[in-house]
Amino acid sequence: MEKLRKLKKIKRQRKHGFLHRTKSANGKKTLKKRRVKGRSRLTI
């Protein structure tokens, strides 16, 4: 069970993580908006 959870966590990070966000223009826009709003966590 632990292995499956770890796999899902990796998949989630790759899709919604910080590095993935910084690669695309829209992702950068999202990060910028979240910074302006003052979110404590920009991504996961």
Protein backbone atom coordinates (compact mmCIF):
# COMPACT_ATOMS: atom_id res chain seq x y z
CA MET A 1 0.00 0.00 0.00
CA GLU A 2 2.85 2.35 0.86
CA LYS A 3 4.42 1.95 -2.57
CA LEU A 4 1.19 2.95 -4.33
CA ARG A 5 0.86 6.08 -2.22
CA LYS A 6 4.43 7.04 -3.03
CA LEU A 7 3.81 6.51 -6.74
CA LYS A 8 0.71 8.71 -6.67
CA LYS A 9 2.64 11.40 -4.83
CA ILE A 10 5.35 11.38 -7.51
CA LYS A 11 2.74 11.56 -10.30
CA ARG A 12 1.04 14.47 -8.56
CA GLN A 13 4.31 16.32 -8.10
CA ARG A 14 5.23 15.89 -11.74
CA LYS A 15 1.89 17.22 -12.91
CA HIS A 16 1.26 20.00 -10.39
CA GLY A 17 4.67 20.64 -8.85
CA PHE A 18 6.74 23.81 -8.86
CA LEU A 19 9.12 22.73 -11.63
CA HIS A 20 6.25 21.79 -13.91
CA ARG A 21 4.59 25.16 -13.28
CA THR A 22 7.76 27.10 -14.08
CA LYS A 23 8.16 25.37 -17.46
CA SER A 24 5.03 26.79 -19.10
CA ALA A 25 3.90 30.38 -19.55
CA ASN A 26 0.51 29.69 -17.98
CA GLY A 27 2.18 27.98 -15.05
CA LYS A 28 4.34 31.03 -14.43
CA LYS A 29 1.21 33.17 -14.58
CA THR A 30 -0.41 30.93 -11.97
CA LEU A 31 2.60 31.21 -9.65
CA LYS A 32 2.63 34.98 -10.07
CA LYS A 33 -1.06 35.24 -9.19
CA ARG A 34 -0.58 33.06 -6.14
CA ARG A 35 2.36 35.20 -4.99
CA VAL A 36 0.32 38.39 -5.41
CA LYS A 37 -2.56 36.86 -3.47
CA GLY A 38 -0.13 35.98 -0.69
CA ARG A 39 -0.50 32.22 -0.65
CA SER A 40 1.82 30.51 1.78
CA ARG A 41 2.08 27.49 -0.54
CA LEU A 42 2.54 28.21 -4.22
CA THR A 43 2.31 24.58 -5.25
CA ILE A 44 1.75 21.27 -3.48
